[in-house]
């Protein structure tokens, strides 16, 4: 994509608001998640940094809750403007935030890049999130291909 102001999904595509499995559900990440999102990733920085696709990235890094809120507001704007889609991952039963999924256009070449992480205390869900999101992207999204580090 060459126009950074354009949506990277077709204008007539209805963006899914949720993905629900027995163990977890995805919903759009927004400012209302700040406190629980902050607790999830700050408790798991080393684990996230070792997650496939997250290795060598500049985030996570120490941030204040206010900086995190600003990031969440940016993700919500991207979602509303169809420039990228970030979902919080919540435990289906308790509603606890256990991770995030990011769906954005690749910066280095055409295509879609997907990243995800789960908190260290829920590490066993990393592969199930990867599998469910991969299937969801193949069946419910308009992408012909996507890059998502295998588990």
N, C-alpha and C. Protein backbone atom coordinates (compact mmCIF):
# COMPACT_ATOMS: atom_id res chain seq x y z
N UNK A 1 0.85 -1.18 0.00
CA UNK A 1 0.00 0.00 0.00
C UNK A 1 0.89 1.23 0.00
N UNK A 2 0.61 2.14 -0.86
CA UNK A 2 1.44 3.34 -0.93
C UNK A 2 0.80 4.54 -0.27
N UNK A 3 -0.52 4.56 -0.12
CA UNK A 3 -1.20 5.69 0.50
C UNK A 3 -1.46 5.38 1.97
N UNK A 4 -0.70 6.02 2.86
CA UNK A 4 -0.83 5.73 4.28
C UNK A 4 -2.14 6.19 4.88
N UNK A 5 -2.92 7.00 4.15
CA UNK A 5 -4.20 7.46 4.66
C UNK A 5 -5.34 6.53 4.25
N UNK A 6 -5.07 5.57 3.40
CA UNK A 6 -6.13 4.69 2.90
C UNK A 6 -6.33 3.50 3.82
N UNK A 7 -7.56 2.99 3.79
CA UNK A 7 -7.88 1.76 4.48
C UNK A 7 -7.13 0.63 3.79
N UNK A 8 -6.75 -0.37 4.55
CA UNK A 8 -6.10 -1.49 3.86
C UNK A 8 -7.04 -2.68 3.70
N UNK A 9 -8.32 -2.47 3.98
CA UNK A 9 -9.35 -3.45 3.66
C UNK A 9 -10.35 -2.75 2.72
N UNK A 10 -11.04 -3.51 1.89
CA UNK A 10 -12.01 -2.88 0.97
C UNK A 10 -13.06 -2.07 1.72
N UNK A 11 -13.52 -0.99 1.10
CA UNK A 11 -14.51 -0.11 1.72
C UNK A 11 -15.78 -0.85 2.11
N UNK A 12 -16.16 -1.87 1.34
CA UNK A 12 -17.41 -2.58 1.63
C UNK A 12 -17.22 -3.76 2.59
N UNK A 13 -16.00 -3.99 3.05
CA UNK A 13 -15.74 -5.10 3.98
C UNK A 13 -16.23 -4.72 5.38
N UNK A 14 -17.04 -5.58 5.97
CA UNK A 14 -17.51 -5.38 7.35
C UNK A 14 -16.48 -6.02 8.28
N UNK A 15 -15.76 -5.17 9.01
CA UNK A 15 -14.70 -5.64 9.90
C UNK A 15 -15.31 -6.42 11.06
N UNK A 16 -14.87 -7.64 11.29
CA UNK A 16 -15.39 -8.41 12.42
C UNK A 16 -15.11 -7.71 13.75
N UNK A 17 -16.10 -7.68 14.61
CA UNK A 17 -15.96 -7.05 15.93
C UNK A 17 -15.48 -8.04 16.98
N UNK A 18 -15.60 -9.33 16.70
CA UNK A 18 -15.23 -10.30 17.72
C UNK A 18 -14.87 -11.65 17.10
N UNK A 19 -14.11 -12.39 17.85
CA UNK A 19 -13.84 -13.80 17.58
C UNK A 19 -14.00 -14.47 18.93
N UNK A 20 -14.83 -15.50 19.00
CA UNK A 20 -15.10 -16.16 20.28
C UNK A 20 -14.74 -17.63 20.17
N UNK A 21 -13.95 -18.10 21.13
CA UNK A 21 -13.64 -19.52 21.26
C UNK A 21 -14.04 -19.94 22.68
N UNK A 22 -13.87 -21.20 22.97
CA UNK A 22 -14.20 -21.69 24.30
C UNK A 22 -13.33 -21.04 25.38
N UNK A 23 -12.07 -20.76 25.05
CA UNK A 23 -11.11 -20.26 26.05
C UNK A 23 -10.96 -18.74 26.07
N UNK A 24 -11.17 -18.08 24.93
CA UNK A 24 -10.93 -16.64 24.87
C UNK A 24 -11.81 -16.00 23.81
N UNK A 25 -11.90 -14.67 23.91
CA UNK A 25 -12.62 -13.91 22.89
C UNK A 25 -11.81 -12.66 22.56
N UNK A 26 -11.95 -12.21 21.33
CA UNK A 26 -11.32 -10.98 20.89
C UNK A 26 -12.38 -9.90 20.77
N UNK A 27 -12.01 -8.68 21.15
CA UNK A 27 -12.86 -7.52 20.95
C UNK A 27 -11.94 -6.34 20.65
N UNK A 28 -12.43 -5.32 19.94
CA UNK A 28 -11.56 -4.19 19.62
C UNK A 28 -10.97 -3.56 20.88
N UNK A 29 -9.67 -3.31 20.84
CA UNK A 29 -8.96 -2.69 21.96
C UNK A 29 -9.22 -1.18 21.95
N UNK A 30 -9.52 -0.64 23.11
CA UNK A 30 -9.76 0.79 23.20
C UNK A 30 -9.37 1.35 24.56
N UNK A 31 -9.52 2.64 24.73
CA UNK A 31 -9.14 3.31 25.98
C UNK A 31 -9.79 2.72 27.22
N UNK A 32 -10.99 2.15 27.06
CA UNK A 32 -11.68 1.57 28.20
C UNK A 32 -10.95 0.36 28.78
N UNK A 33 -9.98 -0.18 28.06
CA UNK A 33 -9.22 -1.33 28.52
C UNK A 33 -7.91 -0.95 29.21
N UNK A 34 -7.64 0.33 29.35
CA UNK A 34 -6.32 0.79 29.78
C UNK A 34 -5.80 0.10 31.04
N UNK A 35 -6.56 0.10 32.10
CA UNK A 35 -6.06 -0.44 33.37
C UNK A 35 -5.72 -1.92 33.26
N UNK A 36 -6.63 -2.70 32.70
CA UNK A 36 -6.40 -4.15 32.61
C UNK A 36 -5.35 -4.51 31.56
N UNK A 37 -5.33 -3.76 30.44
CA UNK A 37 -4.31 -3.98 29.42
C UNK A 37 -2.93 -3.69 29.98
N UNK A 38 -2.81 -2.58 30.68
CA UNK A 38 -1.53 -2.18 31.29
C UNK A 38 -1.06 -3.27 32.26
N UNK A 39 -1.95 -3.77 33.09
CA UNK A 39 -1.59 -4.83 34.03
C UNK A 39 -1.15 -6.10 33.30
N UNK A 40 -1.82 -6.42 32.19
CA UNK A 40 -1.48 -7.64 31.45
C UNK A 40 -0.07 -7.58 30.88
N UNK A 41 0.25 -6.51 30.17
CA UNK A 41 1.56 -6.51 29.49
C UNK A 41 2.70 -6.15 30.43
N UNK A 42 2.46 -5.28 31.43
CA UNK A 42 3.57 -4.93 32.32
C UNK A 42 3.97 -6.10 33.21
N UNK A 43 3.06 -7.03 33.44
CA UNK A 43 3.38 -8.21 34.24
C UNK A 43 4.10 -9.28 33.42
N UNK A 44 4.26 -9.04 32.12
CA UNK A 44 4.72 -10.10 31.22
C UNK A 44 5.73 -9.62 30.18
N UNK A 45 6.46 -8.55 30.46
CA UNK A 45 7.33 -7.97 29.44
C UNK A 45 8.36 -8.95 28.89
N UNK A 46 9.05 -9.68 29.75
CA UNK A 46 10.05 -10.64 29.27
C UNK A 46 9.40 -11.73 28.43
N UNK A 47 8.25 -12.21 28.86
CA UNK A 47 7.54 -13.24 28.11
C UNK A 47 7.13 -12.71 26.73
N UNK A 48 6.58 -11.51 26.68
CA UNK A 48 6.16 -10.93 25.41
C UNK A 48 7.36 -10.76 24.48
N UNK A 49 8.47 -10.28 25.02
CA UNK A 49 9.67 -10.06 24.19
C UNK A 49 10.21 -11.35 23.59
N UNK A 50 9.86 -12.50 24.18
CA UNK A 50 10.33 -13.79 23.65
C UNK A 50 9.28 -14.49 22.79
N UNK A 51 8.13 -13.86 22.60
CA UNK A 51 7.05 -14.44 21.80
C UNK A 51 7.39 -14.34 20.31
N UNK A 52 7.15 -15.41 19.53
CA UNK A 52 7.41 -15.32 18.09
C UNK A 52 6.74 -14.08 17.48
N UNK A 53 7.51 -13.36 16.69
CA UNK A 53 7.05 -12.13 16.06
C UNK A 53 7.33 -10.89 16.88
N UNK A 54 7.51 -11.05 18.18
CA UNK A 54 7.75 -9.90 19.06
C UNK A 54 9.23 -9.74 19.39
N UNK A 55 10.03 -10.74 19.10
CA UNK A 55 11.46 -10.71 19.41
C UNK A 55 12.13 -9.56 18.66
N UNK A 56 12.89 -8.74 19.38
CA UNK A 56 13.64 -7.64 18.78
C UNK A 56 12.83 -6.38 18.53
N UNK A 57 11.58 -6.35 18.92
CA UNK A 57 10.74 -5.16 18.71
C UNK A 57 11.01 -4.15 19.82
N UNK A 58 10.66 -2.89 19.58
CA UNK A 58 10.90 -1.83 20.56
C UNK A 58 9.88 -1.84 21.69
N UNK A 59 8.79 -2.53 21.51
CA UNK A 59 7.77 -2.68 22.56
C UNK A 59 7.67 -4.15 22.91
N UNK A 60 7.47 -4.51 24.15
CA UNK A 60 7.14 -3.65 25.28
C UNK A 60 8.38 -2.98 25.88
N UNK A 61 8.12 -1.82 26.42
CA UNK A 61 9.13 -1.04 27.13
C UNK A 61 8.42 -0.35 28.28
N UNK A 62 9.15 0.06 29.29
CA UNK A 62 8.49 0.74 30.41
C UNK A 62 7.71 1.97 29.92
N UNK A 63 6.48 2.07 30.38
CA UNK A 63 5.60 3.18 30.04
C UNK A 63 4.73 3.48 31.25
N UNK A 64 4.21 4.69 31.28
CA UNK A 64 3.25 5.05 32.32
C UNK A 64 1.86 4.63 31.86
N UNK A 65 0.92 4.53 32.79
CA UNK A 65 -0.46 4.26 32.36
C UNK A 65 -0.99 5.31 31.39
N UNK A 66 -0.55 6.55 31.54
CA UNK A 66 -0.99 7.61 30.63
C UNK A 66 -0.44 7.37 29.22
N UNK A 67 0.80 6.93 29.11
CA UNK A 67 1.37 6.61 27.79
C UNK A 67 0.64 5.43 27.17
N UNK A 68 0.30 4.45 27.99
CA UNK A 68 -0.45 3.30 27.50
C UNK A 68 -1.81 3.75 26.98
N UNK A 69 -2.47 4.63 27.71
CA UNK A 69 -3.77 5.16 27.28
C UNK A 69 -3.65 5.82 25.92
N UNK A 70 -2.61 6.60 25.73
CA UNK A 70 -2.39 7.26 24.44
C UNK A 70 -2.23 6.21 23.32
N UNK A 71 -1.49 5.13 23.59
CA UNK A 71 -1.35 4.05 22.61
C UNK A 71 -2.71 3.42 22.29
N UNK A 72 -3.51 3.17 23.33
CA UNK A 72 -4.82 2.55 23.10
C UNK A 72 -5.73 3.47 22.30
N UNK A 73 -5.65 4.77 22.55
CA UNK A 73 -6.42 5.73 21.76
C UNK A 73 -5.99 5.69 20.29
N UNK A 74 -4.68 5.55 20.06
CA UNK A 74 -4.19 5.43 18.69
C UNK A 74 -4.69 4.17 18.00
N UNK A 75 -4.67 3.05 18.73
CA UNK A 75 -5.20 1.80 18.16
C UNK A 75 -6.68 1.92 17.84
N UNK A 76 -7.44 2.58 18.72
CA UNK A 76 -8.88 2.77 18.48
C UNK A 76 -9.11 3.65 17.25
N UNK A 77 -8.28 4.70 17.08
CA UNK A 77 -8.39 5.56 15.88
C UNK A 77 -8.09 4.75 14.62
N UNK A 78 -7.02 3.96 14.67
CA UNK A 78 -6.68 3.12 13.52
C UNK A 78 -7.85 2.21 13.16
N UNK A 79 -8.46 1.59 14.17
CA UNK A 79 -9.59 0.69 13.93
C UNK A 79 -10.73 1.47 13.28
N UNK A 80 -11.09 2.60 13.84
CA UNK A 80 -12.19 3.42 13.30
C UNK A 80 -11.91 3.87 11.88
N UNK A 81 -10.66 4.16 11.57
CA UNK A 81 -10.26 4.63 10.24
C UNK A 81 -9.87 3.50 9.30
N UNK A 82 -9.96 2.24 9.79
CA UNK A 82 -9.68 1.05 8.99
C UNK A 82 -8.24 0.99 8.50
N UNK A 83 -7.34 1.55 9.28
CA UNK A 83 -5.91 1.55 8.95
C UNK A 83 -5.17 0.40 9.63
N UNK A 84 -5.78 -0.20 10.63
CA UNK A 84 -5.21 -1.30 11.38
C UNK A 84 -6.22 -1.73 12.42
N UNK A 85 -6.09 -2.98 12.88
CA UNK A 85 -7.10 -3.53 13.77
C UNK A 85 -6.41 -4.23 14.94
N UNK A 86 -6.60 -3.66 16.12
CA UNK A 86 -6.03 -4.25 17.33
C UNK A 86 -7.17 -4.75 18.19
N UNK A 87 -7.02 -5.99 18.63
CA UNK A 87 -8.02 -6.64 19.46
C UNK A 87 -7.40 -7.01 20.80
N UNK A 88 -8.16 -6.81 21.86
CA UNK A 88 -7.76 -7.32 23.15
C UNK A 88 -8.24 -8.77 23.21
N UNK A 89 -7.46 -9.60 23.88
CA UNK A 89 -7.81 -11.01 24.06
C UNK A 89 -8.27 -11.17 25.50
N UNK A 90 -9.48 -11.64 25.69
CA UNK A 90 -10.06 -11.78 27.03
C UNK A 90 -10.43 -13.23 27.30
N UNK A 91 -10.27 -13.63 28.54
CA UNK A 91 -10.71 -14.94 28.98
C UNK A 91 -12.23 -15.01 28.79
N UNK A 92 -12.71 -16.05 28.13
CA UNK A 92 -14.14 -16.17 27.85
C UNK A 92 -14.97 -16.21 29.13
N UNK A 93 -14.45 -16.89 30.15
CA UNK A 93 -15.21 -17.02 31.38
C UNK A 93 -15.14 -15.82 32.29
N UNK A 94 -13.92 -15.33 32.56
CA UNK A 94 -13.73 -14.27 33.56
C UNK A 94 -13.70 -12.87 32.97
N UNK A 95 -13.41 -12.75 31.68
CA UNK A 95 -13.28 -11.43 31.06
C UNK A 95 -11.90 -10.82 31.26
N UNK A 96 -11.01 -11.51 31.99
CA UNK A 96 -9.66 -11.00 32.22
C UNK A 96 -8.94 -10.77 30.89
N UNK A 97 -8.25 -9.64 30.77
CA UNK A 97 -7.43 -9.39 29.58
C UNK A 97 -6.18 -10.25 29.66
N UNK A 98 -5.98 -11.03 28.62
CA UNK A 98 -4.86 -11.97 28.63
C UNK A 98 -3.89 -11.74 27.47
N UNK A 99 -4.18 -10.77 26.60
CA UNK A 99 -3.26 -10.52 25.49
C UNK A 99 -3.83 -9.57 24.47
N UNK A 100 -3.15 -9.49 23.32
CA UNK A 100 -3.56 -8.63 22.21
C UNK A 100 -3.23 -9.28 20.88
N UNK A 101 -3.99 -8.89 19.86
CA UNK A 101 -3.75 -9.28 18.48
C UNK A 101 -3.74 -8.00 17.66
N UNK A 102 -2.72 -7.84 16.81
CA UNK A 102 -2.55 -6.65 15.97
C UNK A 102 -2.60 -7.09 14.51
N UNK A 103 -3.46 -6.46 13.72
CA UNK A 103 -3.59 -6.74 12.29
C UNK A 103 -3.36 -5.41 11.57
N UNK A 104 -2.21 -5.30 10.92
CA UNK A 104 -1.82 -4.03 10.28
C UNK A 104 -1.19 -4.31 8.91
N UNK A 105 -1.22 -3.30 8.03
CA UNK A 105 -0.49 -3.47 6.77
C UNK A 105 1.01 -3.55 7.06
N UNK A 106 1.70 -4.34 6.26
CA UNK A 106 3.16 -4.41 6.38
C UNK A 106 3.75 -3.07 6.00
N UNK A 107 4.82 -2.69 6.65
CA UNK A 107 5.49 -1.42 6.34
C UNK A 107 6.51 -1.58 5.22
N UNK A 108 7.10 -2.76 5.11
CA UNK A 108 8.22 -2.97 4.20
C UNK A 108 7.81 -3.47 2.82
N UNK A 109 6.61 -3.95 2.69
CA UNK A 109 6.13 -4.49 1.41
C UNK A 109 4.62 -4.64 1.48
N UNK A 110 3.96 -4.84 0.34
CA UNK A 110 2.51 -5.04 0.37
C UNK A 110 2.15 -6.28 1.19
N UNK A 111 1.00 -6.23 1.82
CA UNK A 111 0.54 -7.38 2.58
C UNK A 111 0.14 -7.01 3.99
N UNK A 112 -0.21 -8.02 4.73
CA UNK A 112 -0.72 -7.85 6.09
C UNK A 112 0.21 -8.53 7.08
N UNK A 113 0.45 -7.85 8.19
CA UNK A 113 1.30 -8.37 9.27
C UNK A 113 0.42 -8.57 10.49
N UNK A 114 0.55 -9.71 11.13
CA UNK A 114 -0.21 -10.02 12.33
C UNK A 114 0.77 -10.35 13.45
N UNK A 115 0.53 -9.75 14.60
CA UNK A 115 1.32 -10.03 15.80
C UNK A 115 0.34 -10.34 16.92
N UNK A 116 0.79 -11.15 17.88
CA UNK A 116 -0.03 -11.38 19.06
C UNK A 116 0.86 -11.74 20.23
N UNK A 117 0.31 -11.55 21.41
CA UNK A 117 0.99 -11.95 22.63
C UNK A 117 -0.08 -12.30 23.67
N UNK A 118 0.33 -13.12 24.61
CA UNK A 118 -0.50 -13.40 25.78
C UNK A 118 0.37 -13.19 27.01
N UNK A 119 -0.28 -12.89 28.13
CA UNK A 119 0.48 -12.67 29.36
C UNK A 119 1.13 -13.97 29.80
N UNK A 120 2.23 -13.83 30.53
CA UNK A 120 3.03 -14.99 30.95
C UNK A 120 2.19 -16.02 31.70
N UNK A 121 1.28 -15.57 32.53
CA UNK A 121 0.46 -16.50 33.32
C UNK A 121 -0.53 -17.29 32.47
N UNK A 122 -0.69 -16.89 31.21
CA UNK A 122 -1.59 -17.59 30.28
C UNK A 122 -0.84 -18.07 29.04
N UNK A 123 0.45 -18.34 29.19
CA UNK A 123 1.31 -18.74 28.07
C UNK A 123 0.76 -19.93 27.29
N UNK A 124 0.03 -20.80 27.95
CA UNK A 124 -0.51 -21.98 27.27
C UNK A 124 -1.52 -21.60 26.18
N UNK A 125 -1.99 -20.36 26.18
CA UNK A 125 -2.96 -19.93 25.16
C UNK A 125 -2.29 -19.31 23.94
N UNK A 126 -0.98 -19.17 23.95
CA UNK A 126 -0.31 -18.54 22.81
C UNK A 126 -0.60 -19.30 21.51
N UNK A 127 -0.37 -20.60 21.49
CA UNK A 127 -0.61 -21.38 20.27
C UNK A 127 -2.10 -21.42 19.91
N UNK A 128 -3.02 -21.61 20.86
CA UNK A 128 -4.44 -21.57 20.49
C UNK A 128 -4.89 -20.22 19.92
N UNK A 129 -4.35 -19.11 20.44
CA UNK A 129 -4.67 -17.80 19.86
C UNK A 129 -4.16 -17.74 18.43
N UNK A 130 -2.91 -18.16 18.22
CA UNK A 130 -2.33 -18.18 16.88
C UNK A 130 -3.19 -19.01 15.92
N UNK A 131 -3.57 -20.20 16.33
CA UNK A 131 -4.34 -21.09 15.46
C UNK A 131 -5.71 -20.49 15.14
N UNK A 132 -6.42 -20.00 16.16
CA UNK A 132 -7.76 -19.45 15.95
C UNK A 132 -7.72 -18.19 15.09
N UNK A 133 -6.76 -17.31 15.37
CA UNK A 133 -6.66 -16.07 14.59
C UNK A 133 -6.26 -16.38 13.15
N UNK A 134 -5.34 -17.30 12.96
CA UNK A 134 -4.94 -17.67 11.59
C UNK A 134 -6.14 -18.18 10.80
N UNK A 135 -6.93 -19.05 11.39
CA UNK A 135 -8.12 -19.57 10.72
C UNK A 135 -9.12 -18.46 10.44
N UNK A 136 -9.34 -17.58 11.41
CA UNK A 136 -10.25 -16.45 11.29
C UNK A 136 -9.83 -15.54 10.13
N UNK A 137 -8.54 -15.27 10.03
CA UNK A 137 -8.04 -14.42 8.95
C UNK A 137 -8.24 -15.07 7.58
N UNK A 138 -8.09 -16.40 7.53
CA UNK A 138 -8.28 -17.11 6.26
C UNK A 138 -9.76 -17.15 5.84
N UNK A 139 -10.68 -17.20 6.81
CA UNK A 139 -12.09 -17.41 6.46
C UNK A 139 -12.94 -16.15 6.51
N UNK A 140 -12.61 -15.19 7.39
CA UNK A 140 -13.51 -14.06 7.60
C UNK A 140 -12.94 -12.71 7.16
N UNK A 141 -11.72 -12.70 6.68
CA UNK A 141 -11.06 -11.45 6.28
C UNK A 141 -10.74 -11.51 4.79
N UNK A 142 -10.52 -10.36 4.14
CA UNK A 142 -10.31 -10.32 2.70
C UNK A 142 -8.84 -10.48 2.26
N UNK A 143 -7.97 -10.90 3.16
CA UNK A 143 -6.55 -10.97 2.83
C UNK A 143 -6.23 -12.22 2.02
N UNK A 144 -5.41 -12.05 0.99
CA UNK A 144 -4.97 -13.21 0.21
C UNK A 144 -3.82 -13.91 0.91
N UNK A 145 -3.09 -13.16 1.73
CA UNK A 145 -2.02 -13.74 2.54
C UNK A 145 -1.72 -12.80 3.70
N UNK A 146 -1.03 -13.33 4.67
CA UNK A 146 -0.63 -12.53 5.82
C UNK A 146 0.62 -13.15 6.43
N UNK A 147 1.38 -12.32 7.13
CA UNK A 147 2.58 -12.77 7.83
C UNK A 147 2.26 -12.81 9.31
N UNK A 148 2.46 -13.99 9.93
CA UNK A 148 2.15 -14.19 11.34
C UNK A 148 3.11 -15.26 11.83
N UNK A 149 4.02 -14.90 12.72
CA UNK A 149 5.07 -15.83 13.19
C UNK A 149 4.44 -17.11 13.75
N UNK A 150 4.79 -18.26 13.19
CA UNK A 150 4.21 -19.53 13.66
C UNK A 150 4.58 -19.86 15.09
N UNK A 151 3.75 -20.61 15.72
CA UNK A 151 3.99 -21.10 17.08
C UNK A 151 4.38 -22.55 17.00
